[in-house]
Amino acid sequence: MFVFIGDTNLGLQSKFAYPIAACKKKEKRGGWRKIGRGRRRRRRRRRRRRRRRRRRRRRRRRKKKKKNKNNNNNNNNNNNNNNNNNNSNNNNNNNKSTRKRRMRRRRVRRMKRRRGRKRRGEARSK
């Protein structure tokens, strides 16, 4: 259903004829701008003539940042890093629990793997 919005003296009636639901959607996306009290006008965009083929973009995962242990440019990516010691073994307590958890997970995974192999030949890959 088309509704005409706009004053009669504007001479823009044809421009404002649109389906209401679509307009609401576009307003949310930022295509329509409200003017004054309740009238909406579409933003003009310059259009390119040439159609380009869309290439699918592969999402690149961010490379994990390397932890700076004992060197003096500490940019605060390490919880409690007392890094003024020159290349000694820096035994801080951060990351210990996660390490333990990781080891445990690895062990469990290994057990599962073995169990799977026992049960049905080489059925399990992991």
Protein backbone atom coordinates (compact mmCIF):
# COMPACT_ATOMS: atom_id res chain seq x y z
CA MET A 1 0.00 0.00 0.00
CA PHE A 2 1.34 3.39 -0.96
CA VAL A 3 0.90 6.44 1.18
CA PHE A 4 1.61 9.96 0.10
CA ILE A 5 3.53 11.98 2.61
CA GLY A 6 4.48 15.58 2.08
CA ASP A 7 2.85 18.98 1.89
CA THR A 8 0.92 19.88 -1.21
CA ASN A 9 3.07 22.96 -1.78
CA LEU A 10 6.29 20.96 -1.80
CA GLY A 11 5.63 19.35 -5.14
CA LEU A 12 7.49 16.26 -3.94
CA GLN A 13 4.58 13.90 -3.53
CA SER A 14 5.81 11.37 -6.03
CA LYS A 15 9.11 11.25 -4.20
CA PHE A 16 7.45 10.41 -0.93
CA ALA A 17 5.25 7.60 -2.14
CA TYR A 18 6.55 4.38 -0.66
CA PRO A 19 5.45 1.29 1.24
CA ILE A 20 5.51 2.12 4.93
CA ALA A 21 7.16 -1.05 6.21
CA ALA A 22 10.01 -0.76 3.76
CA CYS A 23 10.53 2.81 4.82
CA LYS A 24 10.77 1.82 8.47
CA LYS A 25 13.40 -0.76 7.63
CA LYS A 26 15.39 1.69 5.59
CA GLU A 27 15.23 4.23 8.34
CA LYS A 28 16.77 1.75 10.70
CA ARG A 29 19.56 1.09 8.23
CA GLY A 30 20.10 4.80 7.76
CA GLY A 31 18.83 5.17 4.22
CA TRP A 32 15.92 7.47 5.08
CA ARG A 33 16.20 10.64 7.06
CA LYS A 34 13.33 12.22 8.92
CA ILE A 35 12.52 15.81 8.08
CA GLY A 36 10.56 17.93 10.43
CA ARG A 37 7.51 16.23 11.82
CA GLY A 38 7.14 12.76 10.42
CA ARG A 39 8.15 13.25 6.80
CA ARG A 40 10.99 11.15 5.52
CA ARG A 41 13.38 11.85 2.71
CA ARG A 42 15.81 9.46 1.13
CA ARG A 43 19.48 10.32 1.19
CA ARG A 44 20.91 10.64 -2.29
CA ARG A 45 23.88 8.47 -3.06
CA ARG A 46 26.03 8.70 -6.15
CA ARG A 47 25.83 5.44 -8.04
CA ARG A 48 28.63 3.71 -9.83
CA ARG A 49 27.82 2.42 -13.27
CA ARG A 50 30.31 -0.45 -13.36
CA ARG A 51 29.20 -3.64 -11.70
CA ARG A 52 31.99 -5.50 -10.02
CA ARG A 53 31.96 -9.19 -9.35
CA ARG A 54 31.81 -9.84 -5.64
CA ARG A 55 34.69 -11.88 -4.31
CA ARG A 56 34.14 -13.84 -1.15
CA ARG A 57 36.45 -12.50 1.48
CA ARG A 58 38.16 -14.99 3.69
CA ARG A 59 38.20 -13.94 7.30
CA ARG A 60 41.71 -13.75 8.61
CA ARG A 61 42.20 -14.71 12.20
CA ARG A 62 44.32 -12.32 14.18
CA LYS A 63 47.73 -13.61 15.00
CA LYS A 64 48.11 -14.27 18.68
CA LYS A 65 50.28 -11.70 20.36
CA LYS A 66 53.50 -13.06 21.75
CA LYS A 67 53.92 -12.62 25.44
CA ASN A 68 56.85 -10.48 26.33
CA LYS A 69 58.51 -12.13 29.22
CA ASN A 70 61.69 -10.57 30.49
CA ASN A 71 62.48 -7.66 28.30
CA ASN A 72 61.91 -4.13 29.32
CA ASN A 73 59.31 -2.96 26.86
CA ASN A 74 56.38 -4.10 28.91
CA ASN A 75 53.22 -3.07 27.18
CA ASN A 76 50.92 -4.51 29.75
CA ASN A 77 49.86 -7.72 28.12
CA ASN A 78 51.04 -9.89 30.93
CA ASN A 79 49.33 -10.01 34.28
CA ASN A 80 52.13 -9.88 36.76
CA ASN A 81 55.31 -9.62 34.86
CA ASN A 82 58.33 -8.56 36.85
CA ASN A 83 60.41 -8.08 33.80
CA ASN A 84 63.44 -6.17 34.90
CA ASN A 85 65.53 -9.29 35.20
CA ASN A 86 67.84 -9.99 32.36
CA ASN A 87 66.82 -13.24 30.73
CA SER A 88 66.50 -15.38 33.82
CA ASN A 89 63.80 -17.94 34.22
CA ASN A 90 60.85 -15.80 35.14
CA ASN A 91 58.58 -17.97 37.18
CA ASN A 92 55.42 -15.92 37.61
CA ASN A 93 52.22 -17.39 38.60
CA ASN A 94 50.16 -16.19 35.68
CA ASN A 95 48.91 -18.76 33.25
CA LYS A 96 49.60 -21.66 35.59
CA SER A 97 46.00 -22.73 36.05
CA THR A 98 45.34 -22.52 32.35
CA ARG A 99 48.43 -24.58 31.70
CA LYS A 100 47.24 -27.22 34.13
CA ARG A 101 43.83 -27.25 32.53
CA ARG A 102 45.35 -27.59 29.09
CA MET A 103 47.49 -30.53 30.19
CA ARG A 104 44.49 -32.21 31.75
CA ARG A 105 42.45 -31.74 28.62
CA ARG A 106 45.25 -33.19 26.56
CA ARG A 107 45.44 -36.21 28.82
CA VAL A 108 41.69 -36.78 28.65
CA ARG A 109 41.78 -36.45 24.89
CA ARG A 110 44.54 -39.02 24.70
CA MET A 111 42.56 -41.45 26.83
CA LYS A 112 39.50 -40.97 24.69
CA ARG A 113 41.52 -41.61 21.57
CA ARG A 114 42.86 -44.84 22.95
CA ARG A 115 39.45 -45.93 24.06
CA GLY A 116 38.01 -45.26 20.61
CA ARG A 117 40.71 -47.24 18.88
CA LYS A 118 40.22 -50.17 21.18
CA ARG A 119 36.52 -50.24 20.59
CA ARG A 120 36.26 -50.03 16.83
CA GLY A 121 39.50 -50.51 15.03
CA GLU A 122 40.90 -47.23 13.72
CA ALA A 123 37.47 -45.66 13.54
CA ARG A 124 38.32 -42.55 15.50
CA SER A 125 40.56 -40.01 13.91
CA LYS A 126 41.12 -37.78 16.90
